[in-house]
C-alpha cells in the first residue's frame, strides 16, 4: 500500500508540506516553547489539507518531554495520514529521543543524520529534595491535604518508600504504552532484543539503522526528491513562536522590567522553563 501511494503521488508535481516539530514536548504556556497537541492541532491539520498532497515530511528535533502530549501529537498525525491516505516521512535532526522518537513513530518511514541521537525509549522522573536545606535555614514546612496520598513527591518532605512504589508503577504503565507504540509503528523492522531496544539506550543515526529504529540515513530535501522527483513543491507549515523567543529575537527581553507585573512574573517563569529545557537537551550532550 505504501508503494501504491508513492506511485500515485509521482504522477503529478508533488506538494510536500514540511511540519517542524522542534523543542521540548509539553508544558507550553504564554512564554514557553513546549509542543502540545492543542498548540500543534492547527499546523498539523494544515499540513494535510493541500489538494495535491503527495506526502507530509516531519522535521523532528526534540529531546522529549510529556509522554501524554507525545502520544496525542503522534496519534493526530497518524489519524490524518490514514484519512488522507498519504505517506508520512520523519527526518530526525540533532535528536529524536524519548518523546521525540515517539513523534517519529507517527511516520511510515524514519530517516536521520549519521550523528543524530535516536532512541531513549524509557520513562524518567526527576526532582530535588530540600529537607536538609530548609532545616538548616530554620524554615518550617506547613502543608495540609485532603487525601493521605495527595502530597506525592513533595520536595520539602523526606522521600517515602510508598511514594517511590507509586511513581515506579506509573512509569511502568507509560513505558509499556511507549513500547506498544514502537512495536506497532516499526513492526518486523525492529532488530535485536527488546530488553536492549527498550532500555532507554540511545544510538547514533548510523547505529539506529542497525537496530531498525529508523529506515535509513537521509536528509529531508534530497530524500524527498529521490522519492518524488526533482520538482517537489515544499510548503513549510509554521507555528507561532512563543513570546519569550520573539522578545529575545527582537532585543526586547532586556526591557521586561517596564512590563506589567503579570508579564514580569511570566517572564521569570519562562526563565525557569528555559533552564528545564536546557537540562533535557544536555542529557544527550546537546
C-alpha atoms as a PDB file:
ATOM      1  CA  UNK A   1       0.000   0.000   0.000  1.00  0.00           C
ATOM      2  CA  UNK A   2       2.851   2.373   0.815  1.00  0.00           C
ATOM      3  CA  UNK A   3       4.366   1.938  -2.660  1.00  0.00           C
ATOM      4  CA  UNK A   4       0.938   2.464  -4.256  1.00  0.00           C
ATOM      5  CA  UNK A   5       0.741   5.833  -2.514  1.00  0.00           C
ATOM      6  CA  UNK A   6       4.182   6.772  -3.847  1.00  0.00           C
ATOM      7  CA  UNK A   7       3.312   5.720  -7.395  1.00  0.00           C
ATOM      8  CA  UNK A   8       0.104   7.762  -7.284  1.00  0.00           C
ATOM      9  CA  UNK A   9       1.890  10.855  -5.990  1.00  0.00           C
ATOM     10  CA  UNK A  10       4.675  10.800  -8.601  1.00  0.00           C
ATOM     11  CA  UNK A  11       2.168  11.124 -11.464  1.00  0.00           C
ATOM     12  CA  UNK A  12       1.812  14.830 -10.661  1.00  0.00           C
ATOM     13  CA  UNK A  13       4.092  17.528  -9.290  1.00  0.00           C
ATOM     14  CA  UNK A  14       4.088  16.645  -5.599  1.00  0.00           C
ATOM     15  CA  UNK A  15       3.132  19.061  -2.851  1.00  0.00           C
ATOM     16  CA  UNK A  16       5.031  18.184   0.323  1.00  0.00           C
ATOM     17  CA  UNK A  17       4.230  20.140   3.486  1.00  0.00           C
ATOM     18  CA  UNK A  18       7.083  20.248   5.982  1.00  0.00           C
ATOM     19  CA  UNK A  19       5.924  20.235   9.601  1.00  0.00           C
ATOM     20  CA  UNK A  20       8.533  21.355  12.114  1.00  0.00           C
ATOM     21  CA  UNK A  21       8.376  19.526  15.441  1.00  0.00           C
ATOM     22  CA  UNK A  22      11.205  21.211  17.309  1.00  0.00           C
ATOM     23  CA  UNK A  23      11.733  21.584  21.038  1.00  0.00           C
ATOM     24  CA  UNK A  24      10.581  20.079  24.298  1.00  0.00           C
ATOM     25  CA  UNK A  25       7.201  18.351  24.329  1.00  0.00           C
ATOM     26  CA  UNK A  26       4.572  19.586  26.781  1.00  0.00           C
ATOM     27  CA  UNK A  27       4.431  22.383  29.326  1.00  0.00           C
ATOM     28  CA  UNK A  28       3.603  25.136  26.865  1.00  0.00           C
ATOM     29  CA  UNK A  29       2.456  28.447  28.328  1.00  0.00           C
ATOM     30  CA  UNK A  30       2.356  32.052  27.182  1.00  0.00           C
ATOM     31  CA  UNK A  31       6.134  32.238  27.124  1.00  0.00           C
ATOM     32  CA  UNK A  32       7.341  28.651  26.848  1.00  0.00           C
ATOM     33  CA  UNK A  33       8.302  26.776  23.715  1.00  0.00           C
ATOM     34  CA  UNK A  34       6.887  23.373  24.577  1.00  0.00           C
ATOM     35  CA  UNK A  35       4.974  21.439  21.927  1.00  0.00           C
ATOM     36  CA  UNK A  36       1.439  20.331  22.797  1.00  0.00           C
ATOM     37  CA  UNK A  37      -1.319  18.605  20.891  1.00  0.00           C
ATOM     38  CA  UNK A  38      -3.531  21.669  21.268  1.00  0.00           C
ATOM     39  CA  UNK A  39      -0.824  24.030  20.102  1.00  0.00           C
ATOM     40  CA  UNK A  40       0.014  21.878  17.076  1.00  0.00           C
ATOM     41  CA  UNK A  41      -3.558  20.977  16.123  1.00  0.00           C
ATOM     42  CA  UNK A  42      -3.906  23.761  13.563  1.00  0.00           C
ATOM     43  CA  UNK A  43      -0.477  23.324  11.874  1.00  0.00           C
ATOM     44  CA  UNK A  44      -0.970  19.556  11.664  1.00  0.00           C
ATOM     45  CA  UNK A  45      -4.412  19.998  10.126  1.00  0.00           C
ATOM     46  CA  UNK A  46      -2.988  22.486   7.601  1.00  0.00           C
ATOM     47  CA  UNK A  47      -0.188  20.088   6.696  1.00  0.00           C
ATOM     48  CA  UNK A  48      -2.736  17.541   5.474  1.00  0.00           C
ATOM     49  CA  UNK A  49      -5.032  19.990   3.626  1.00  0.00           C
ATOM     50  CA  UNK A  50      -3.371  20.654   0.218  1.00  0.00           C
ATOM     51  CA  UNK A  51      -5.438  19.216  -2.648  1.00  0.00           C
ATOM     52  CA  UNK A  52      -2.417  17.831  -4.487  1.00  0.00           C
ATOM     53  CA  UNK A  53      -0.848  16.433  -1.344  1.00  0.00           C
ATOM     54  CA  UNK A  54       1.783  13.777  -2.074  1.00  0.00           C
ATOM     55  CA  UNK A  55       3.394  13.303   1.329  1.00  0.00           C
ATOM     56  CA  UNK A  56       3.981  15.035   4.649  1.00  0.00           C
ATOM     57  CA  UNK A  57       7.522  15.477   5.952  1.00  0.00           C
ATOM     58  CA  UNK A  58       8.157  15.814   9.679  1.00  0.00           C
ATOM     59  CA  UNK A  59      11.273  17.723  10.683  1.00  0.00           C
ATOM     60  CA  UNK A  60      11.946  16.477  14.216  1.00  0.00           C
ATOM     61  CA  UNK A  61      14.413  17.883  16.710  1.00  0.00           C
ATOM     62  CA  UNK A  62      13.341  17.082  20.261  1.00  0.00           C
ATOM     63  CA  UNK A  63      14.846  15.612  23.444  1.00  0.00           C
ATOM     64  CA  UNK A  64      11.386  14.500  24.617  1.00  0.00           C
ATOM     65  CA  UNK A  65       9.094  15.660  27.371  1.00  0.00           C
ATOM     66  CA  UNK A  66       5.497  14.776  28.191  1.00  0.00           C
ATOM     67  CA  UNK A  67       4.519  11.206  27.300  1.00  0.00           C
ATOM     68  CA  UNK A  68       0.829  12.083  27.045  1.00  0.00           C
ATOM     69  CA  UNK A  69       1.440  15.005  24.676  1.00  0.00           C
ATOM     70  CA  UNK A  70       3.834  12.882  22.608  1.00  0.00           C
ATOM     71  CA  UNK A  71       1.162  10.213  22.227  1.00  0.00           C
ATOM     72  CA  UNK A  72      -1.563  12.718  21.359  1.00  0.00           C
ATOM     73  CA  UNK A  73       0.521  14.567  18.752  1.00  0.00           C
ATOM     74  CA  UNK A  74       1.652  11.313  17.115  1.00  0.00           C
ATOM     75  CA  UNK A  75      -1.915   9.967  17.100  1.00  0.00           C
ATOM     76  CA  UNK A  76      -3.230  13.136  15.439  1.00  0.00           C
ATOM     77  CA  UNK A  77      -0.616  12.892  12.680  1.00  0.00           C
ATOM     78  CA  UNK A  78      -1.267   9.199  12.121  1.00  0.00           C
ATOM     79  CA  UNK A  79      -5.042   9.651  12.078  1.00  0.00           C
ATOM     80  CA  UNK A  80      -4.887  12.333   9.391  1.00  0.00           C
ATOM     81  CA  UNK A  81      -2.343  10.334   7.366  1.00  0.00           C
ATOM     82  CA  UNK A  82      -4.700   7.357   7.312  1.00  0.00           C
ATOM     83  CA  UNK A  83      -7.714   9.516   6.457  1.00  0.00           C
ATOM     84  CA  UNK A  84      -5.922  11.228   3.555  1.00  0.00           C
ATOM     85  CA  UNK A  85      -4.102   8.029   2.552  1.00  0.00           C
ATOM     86  CA  UNK A  86      -0.823   9.907   2.306  1.00  0.00           C
ATOM     87  CA  UNK A  87       2.648   8.718   3.358  1.00  0.00           C
ATOM     88  CA  UNK A  88       4.463  10.457   6.207  1.00  0.00           C
ATOM     89  CA  UNK A  89       8.249  10.730   6.415  1.00  0.00           C
ATOM     90  CA  UNK A  90      10.139  11.722   9.573  1.00  0.00           C
ATOM     91  CA  UNK A  91      13.558  13.364   9.403  1.00  0.00           C
ATOM     92  CA  UNK A  92      15.452  13.499  12.694  1.00  0.00           C
ATOM     93  CA  UNK A  93      17.948  16.295  13.223  1.00  0.00           C
ATOM     94  CA  UNK A  94      20.072  16.643  16.388  1.00  0.00           C
ATOM     95  CA  UNK A  95      17.809  14.342  18.385  1.00  0.00           C
ATOM     96  CA  UNK A  96      14.631  12.319  18.233  1.00  0.00           C
ATOM     97  CA  UNK A  97      14.908  10.953  21.740  1.00  0.00           C
ATOM     98  CA  UNK A  98      12.306   9.756  24.212  1.00  0.00           C
ATOM     99  CA  UNK A  99       9.117  11.662  23.306  1.00  0.00           C
ATOM    100  CA  UNK A 100      10.914  12.986  20.235  1.00  0.00           C
ATOM    101  CA  UNK A 101      11.252   9.436  18.960  1.00  0.00           C
ATOM    102  CA  UNK A 102       7.609   8.802  19.873  1.00  0.00           C
ATOM    103  CA  UNK A 103       6.730  11.610  17.417  1.00  0.00           C
ATOM    104  CA  UNK A 104       8.878   9.962  14.747  1.00  0.00           C
ATOM    105  CA  UNK A 105       6.910   6.723  15.070  1.00  0.00           C
ATOM    106  CA  UNK A 106       3.903   8.520  13.586  1.00  0.00           C
ATOM    107  CA  UNK A 107       5.702   8.298  10.239  1.00  0.00           C
ATOM    108  CA  UNK A 108       5.768   5.478   7.703  1.00  0.00           C
ATOM    109  CA  UNK A 109       9.489   5.981   7.181  1.00  0.00           C
ATOM    110  CA  UNK A 110      12.083   7.475   9.552  1.00  0.00           C
ATOM    111  CA  UNK A 111      15.405   8.962   8.449  1.00  0.00           C
ATOM    112  CA  UNK A 112      18.211  10.672  10.343  1.00  0.00           C
ATOM    113  CA  UNK A 113      21.703  12.026  10.012  1.00  0.00           C
ATOM    114  CA  UNK A 114      24.512   9.644  10.920  1.00  0.00           C
ATOM    115  CA  UNK A 115      25.230  11.776  14.001  1.00  0.00           C
ATOM    116  CA  UNK A 116      21.624  12.197  15.165  1.00  0.00           C
ATOM    117  CA  UNK A 117      20.693  10.921  18.625  1.00  0.00           C
ATOM    118  CA  UNK A 118      17.900   8.329  18.398  1.00  0.00           C
ATOM    119  CA  UNK A 119      16.006   6.253  20.942  1.00  0.00           C
ATOM    120  CA  UNK A 120      15.827   6.690  24.717  1.00  0.00           C
ATOM    121  CA  UNK A 121      12.693   4.534  24.795  1.00  0.00           C
ATOM    122  CA  UNK A 122      12.033   4.807  28.501  1.00  0.00           C
ATOM    123  CA  UNK A 123      10.462   6.972  31.181  1.00  0.00           C
ATOM    124  CA  UNK A 124      12.252   9.231  33.643  1.00  0.00           C
ATOM    125  CA  UNK A 125      11.115  11.194  36.674  1.00  0.00           C
ATOM    126  CA  UNK A 126      13.465  13.592  38.439  1.00  0.00           C
ATOM    127  CA  UNK A 127      13.099  16.038  41.319  1.00  0.00           C
ATOM    128  CA  UNK A 128      15.006  17.569  44.233  1.00  0.00           C
ATOM    129  CA  UNK A 129      14.844  17.074  47.976  1.00  0.00           C
ATOM    130  CA  UNK A 130      15.188  20.160  50.152  1.00  0.00           C
ATOM    131  CA  UNK A 131      14.566  18.734  53.618  1.00  0.00           C
ATOM    132  CA  UNK A 132      18.134  19.286  54.807  1.00  0.00           C
ATOM    133  CA  UNK A 133      18.250  22.785  53.353  1.00  0.00           C
ATOM    134  CA  UNK A 134      15.065  24.090  54.979  1.00  0.00           C
ATOM    135  CA  UNK A 135      16.116  22.586  58.307  1.00  0.00           C
ATOM    136  CA  UNK A 136      19.443  24.358  58.070  1.00  0.00           C
ATOM    137  CA  UNK A 137      17.701  27.633  57.238  1.00  0.00           C
ATOM    138  CA  UNK A 138      15.265  27.223  60.084  1.00  0.00           C
ATOM    139  CA  UNK A 139      12.245  27.128  57.800  1.00  0.00           C
ATOM    140  CA  UNK A 140       9.122  25.356  58.996  1.00  0.00           C
ATOM    141  CA  UNK A 141       7.184  23.481  56.323  1.00  0.00           C
ATOM    142  CA  UNK A 142       3.374  23.694  56.571  1.00  0.00           C
ATOM    143  CA  UNK A 143       1.106  21.722  54.257  1.00  0.00           C
ATOM    144  CA  UNK A 144      -2.464  20.490  54.651  1.00  0.00           C
ATOM    145  CA  UNK A 145      -4.117  17.983  52.339  1.00  0.00           C
ATOM    146  CA  UNK A 146      -7.453  16.228  51.993  1.00  0.00           C
ATOM    147  CA  UNK A 147      -6.370  12.755  50.922  1.00  0.00           C
ATOM    148  CA  UNK A 148      -3.441  10.976  52.511  1.00  0.00           C
ATOM    149  CA  UNK A 149      -1.645  10.446  49.197  1.00  0.00           C
ATOM    150  CA  UNK A 150      -2.114  13.950  47.831  1.00  0.00           C
ATOM    151  CA  UNK A 151       1.451  15.060  48.637  1.00  0.00           C
ATOM    152  CA  UNK A 152       3.197  12.653  46.250  1.00  0.00           C
ATOM    153  CA  UNK A 153       6.802  13.699  45.643  1.00  0.00           C
ATOM    154  CA  UNK A 154       6.790  16.719  47.948  1.00  0.00           C
ATOM    155  CA  UNK A 155      10.389  18.015  47.683  1.00  0.00           C
ATOM    156  CA  UNK A 156      10.225  19.555  51.165  1.00  0.00           C
ATOM    157  CA  UNK A 157       9.424  16.258  52.905  1.00  0.00           C
ATOM    158  CA  UNK A 158      11.529  13.092  53.271  1.00  0.00           C
ATOM    159  CA  UNK A 159      11.027  10.635  50.425  1.00  0.00           C
ATOM    160  CA  UNK A 160       8.643   7.835  51.341  1.00  0.00           C
ATOM    161  CA  UNK A 161       9.028   4.256  50.133  1.00  0.00           C
ATOM    162  CA  UNK A 162       5.351   4.043  49.222  1.00  0.00           C
ATOM    163  CA  UNK A 163       5.700   7.142  47.030  1.00  0.00           C
ATOM    164  CA  UNK A 164       8.582   5.536  45.138  1.00  0.00           C
ATOM    165  CA  UNK A 165       6.425   2.445  44.510  1.00  0.00           C
ATOM    166  CA  UNK A 166       3.606   4.619  43.163  1.00  0.00           C
ATOM    167  CA  UNK A 167       5.919   6.559  40.860  1.00  0.00           C
ATOM    168  CA  UNK A 168       7.502   3.370  39.525  1.00  0.00           C
ATOM    169  CA  UNK A 169       4.050   1.896  38.875  1.00  0.00           C
ATOM    170  CA  UNK A 170       3.070   4.932  36.842  1.00  0.00           C
ATOM    171  CA  UNK A 171       6.356   4.851  34.952  1.00  0.00           C
ATOM    172  CA  UNK A 172       5.863   1.200  34.041  1.00  0.00           C
ATOM    173  CA  UNK A 173       2.402   1.862  32.615  1.00  0.00           C
ATOM    174  CA  UNK A 174       3.750   4.719  30.484  1.00  0.00           C
ATOM    175  CA  UNK A 175       6.782   2.680  29.409  1.00  0.00           C
ATOM    176  CA  UNK A 176       4.540  -0.191  28.304  1.00  0.00           C
ATOM    177  CA  UNK A 177       2.469   2.263  26.247  1.00  0.00           C
ATOM    178  CA  UNK A 178       5.646   3.627  24.642  1.00  0.00           C
ATOM    179  CA  UNK A 179       6.834   0.118  23.771  1.00  0.00           C
ATOM    180  CA  UNK A 180       3.471  -0.741  22.245  1.00  0.00           C
ATOM    181  CA  UNK A 181       3.686   2.376  20.074  1.00  0.00           C
ATOM    182  CA  UNK A 182       7.155   1.466  18.795  1.00  0.00           C
ATOM    183  CA  UNK A 183       6.143  -2.136  18.079  1.00  0.00           C
ATOM    184  CA  UNK A 184       3.012  -1.019  16.202  1.00  0.00           C
ATOM    185  CA  UNK A 185       4.961   1.512  14.131  1.00  0.00           C
ATOM    186  CA  UNK A 186       8.150  -0.402  13.370  1.00  0.00           C
ATOM    187  CA  UNK A 187       6.838  -3.977  13.343  1.00  0.00           C
ATOM    188  CA  UNK A 188       9.268  -6.552  11.987  1.00  0.00           C
ATOM    189  CA  UNK A 189      11.768  -3.826  11.088  1.00  0.00           C
ATOM    190  CA  UNK A 190      12.959  -3.887  14.712  1.00  0.00           C
ATOM    191  CA  UNK A 191      16.132  -5.882  15.216  1.00  0.00           C
ATOM    192  CA  UNK A 192      17.792  -7.149  18.344  1.00  0.00           C
ATOM    193  CA  UNK A 193      16.474  -7.905  21.794  1.00  0.00           C
ATOM    194  CA  UNK A 194      13.628  -5.799  23.138  1.00  0.00           C
ATOM    195  CA  UNK A 195      15.339  -5.665  26.519  1.00  0.00           C
ATOM    196  CA  UNK A 196      18.061  -3.575  24.891  1.00  0.00           C
ATOM    197  CA  UNK A 197      15.851  -1.622  22.477  1.00  0.00           C
ATOM    198  CA  UNK A 198      13.507  -0.521  25.260  1.00  0.00           C
ATOM    199  CA  UNK A 199      16.130   0.016  27.943  1.00  0.00           C
ATOM    200  CA  UNK A 200      16.359   3.774  27.481  1.00  0.00           C
ATOM    201  CA  UNK A 201      19.585   3.390  25.494  1.00  0.00           C
ATOM    202  CA  UNK A 202      20.406   5.935  22.806  1.00  0.00           C
ATOM    203  CA  UNK A 203      22.049   5.390  19.444  1.00  0.00           C
ATOM    204  CA  UNK A 204      23.556   7.499  16.695  1.00  0.00           C
ATOM    205  CA  UNK A 205      21.643   7.595  13.446  1.00  0.00           C
ATOM    206  CA  UNK A 206      24.076   5.124  11.885  1.00  0.00           C
ATOM    207  CA  UNK A 207      23.553   2.699  14.773  1.00  0.00           C
ATOM    208  CA  UNK A 208      19.789   3.209  14.766  1.00  0.00           C
ATOM    209  CA  UNK A 209      19.614   1.835  11.221  1.00  0.00           C
ATOM    210  CA  UNK A 210      21.121  -1.400  12.512  1.00  0.00           C
ATOM    211  CA  UNK A 211      18.568  -1.650  15.338  1.00  0.00           C
ATOM    212  CA  UNK A 212      15.659  -0.979  12.988  1.00  0.00           C
ATOM    213  CA  UNK A 213      14.573   2.135  14.870  1.00  0.00           C
ATOM    214  CA  UNK A 214      14.985   4.144  11.653  1.00  0.00           C
ATOM    215  CA  UNK A 215      14.886   3.208   7.982  1.00  0.00           C
ATOM    216  CA  UNK A 216      17.992   4.935   6.722  1.00  0.00           C
ATOM    217  CA  UNK A 217      20.399   7.832   6.659  1.00  0.00           C
ATOM    218  CA  UNK A 218      18.990  10.779   4.799  1.00  0.00           C
ATOM    219  CA  UNK A 219      18.158  14.474   4.886  1.00  0.00           C
ATOM    220  CA  UNK A 220      14.747  15.902   4.067  1.00  0.00           C
ATOM    221  CA  UNK A 221      15.183  17.632   0.702  1.00  0.00           C
ATOM    222  CA  UNK A 222      17.391  15.111  -1.134  1.00  0.00           C
ATOM    223  CA  UNK A 223      15.455  12.142   0.237  1.00  0.00           C
ATOM    224  CA  UNK A 224      12.086  13.551  -0.816  1.00  0.00           C
ATOM    225  CA  UNK A 225      13.462  14.476  -4.239  1.00  0.00           C
ATOM    226  CA  UNK A 226      14.720  10.928  -4.674  1.00  0.00           C
ATOM    227  CA  UNK A 227      11.245   9.624  -3.791  1.00  0.00           C
ATOM    228  CA  UNK A 228       9.102  12.131  -5.712  1.00  0.00           C
ATOM    229  CA  UNK A 229      11.300  13.553  -8.460  1.00  0.00           C
ATOM    230  CA  UNK A 230      13.359  16.687  -8.797  1.00  0.00           C
ATOM    231  CA  UNK A 231      10.466  19.168  -8.659  1.00  0.00           C
ATOM    232  CA  UNK A 232       8.586  18.694  -5.392  1.00  0.00           C
ATOM    233  CA  UNK A 233       6.905  21.810  -4.019  1.00  0.00           C
ATOM    234  CA  UNK A 234       7.848  22.071  -0.353  1.00  0.00           C
ATOM    235  CA  UNK A 235       5.451  24.057   1.824  1.00  0.00           C
ATOM    236  CA  UNK A 236       6.730  24.840   5.308  1.00  0.00           C
ATOM    237  CA  UNK A 237       3.925  24.743   7.860  1.00  0.00           C
ATOM    238  CA  UNK A 238       4.921  27.137  10.614  1.00  0.00           C
ATOM    239  CA  UNK A 239       3.735  27.637  14.160  1.00  0.00           C
ATOM    240  CA  UNK A 240       3.629  30.945  16.020  1.00  0.00           C
ATOM    241  CA  UNK A 241       6.817  31.425  18.000  1.00  0.00           C
ATOM    242  CA  UNK A 242       6.378  31.868  21.750  1.00  0.00           C
ATOM    243  CA  UNK A 243       6.509  35.361  23.235  1.00  0.00           C
ATOM    244  CA  UNK A 244       9.782  34.772  25.108  1.00  0.00           C
ATOM    245  CA  UNK A 245      11.563  33.794  21.905  1.00  0.00           C
ATOM    246  CA  UNK A 246      10.063  36.663  19.893  1.00  0.00           C
ATOM    247  CA  UNK A 247      11.105  39.196  22.529  1.00  0.00           C
ATOM    248  CA  UNK A 248      14.598  37.736  22.650  1.00  0.00           C
ATOM    249  CA  UNK A 249      14.969  37.800  18.859  1.00  0.00           C
ATOM    250  CA  UNK A 250      13.798  41.428  18.679  1.00  0.00           C
ATOM    251  CA  UNK A 251      16.028  42.617  21.505  1.00  0.00           C
ATOM    252  CA  UNK A 252      13.115  43.358  23.826  1.00  0.00           C
ATOM    253  CA  UNK A 253      13.945  40.908  26.640  1.00  0.00           C
ATOM    254  CA  UNK A 254      16.156  43.448  28.401  1.00  0.00           C
ATOM    255  CA  UNK A 255      13.224  45.858  28.709  1.00  0.00           C
ATOM    256  CA  UNK A 256      10.933  43.458  30.558  1.00  0.00           C
ATOM    257  CA  UNK A 257      11.280  45.453  33.778  1.00  0.00           C
ATOM    258  CA  UNK A 258       8.904  48.047  32.328  1.00  0.00           C
ATOM    259  CA  UNK A 259       6.291  45.407  31.519  1.00  0.00           C
ATOM    260  CA  UNK A 260       3.090  44.946  33.539  1.00  0.00           C
ATOM    261  CA  UNK A 261       3.564  42.948  36.768  1.00  0.00           C
ATOM    262  CA  UNK A 262       1.801  39.858  35.413  1.00  0.00           C
ATOM    263  CA  UNK A 263       4.064  39.684  32.412  1.00  0.00           C
ATOM    264  CA  UNK A 264       7.140  40.088  34.587  1.00  0.00           C
ATOM    265  CA  UNK A 265       6.075  37.053  36.589  1.00  0.00           C
ATOM    266  CA  UNK A 266       5.520  35.119  33.382  1.00  0.00           C
ATOM    267  CA  UNK A 267       8.977  36.126  32.219  1.00  0.00           C
ATOM    268  CA  UNK A 268      10.509  34.728  35.405  1.00  0.00           C
ATOM    269  CA  UNK A 269       8.561  31.510  34.908  1.00  0.00           C
ATOM    270  CA  UNK A 270       9.817  31.428  31.347  1.00  0.00           C
ATOM    271  CA  UNK A 271      13.404  31.545  32.569  1.00  0.00           C
ATOM    272  CA  UNK A 272      12.737  28.520  34.765  1.00  0.00           C
ATOM    273  CA  UNK A 273      11.175  26.697  31.820  1.00  0.00           C
ATOM    274  CA  UNK A 274      14.189  27.569  29.681  1.00  0.00           C
ATOM    275  CA  UNK A 275      16.504  26.085  32.317  1.00  0.00           C
ATOM    276  CA  UNK A 276      14.445  22.903  32.417  1.00  0.00           C
ATOM    277  CA  UNK A 277      14.529  22.673  28.634  1.00  0.00           C
ATOM    278  CA  UNK A 278      18.290  23.140  28.653  1.00  0.00           C
ATOM    279  CA  UNK A 279      18.583  20.259  31.125  1.00  0.00           C
ATOM    280  CA  UNK A 280      16.616  17.957  28.825  1.00  0.00           C
ATOM    281  CA  UNK A 281      18.894  18.705  25.884  1.00  0.00           C
ATOM    282  CA  UNK A 282      22.043  18.343  27.991  1.00  0.00           C
ATOM    283  CA  UNK A 283      21.132  14.735  28.816  1.00  0.00           C
ATOM    284  CA  UNK A 284      22.194  13.932  25.240  1.00  0.00           C
ATOM    285  CA  UNK A 285      25.252  16.175  25.134  1.00  0.00           C
ATOM    286  CA  UNK A 286      23.438  18.776  23.008  1.00  0.00           C
END
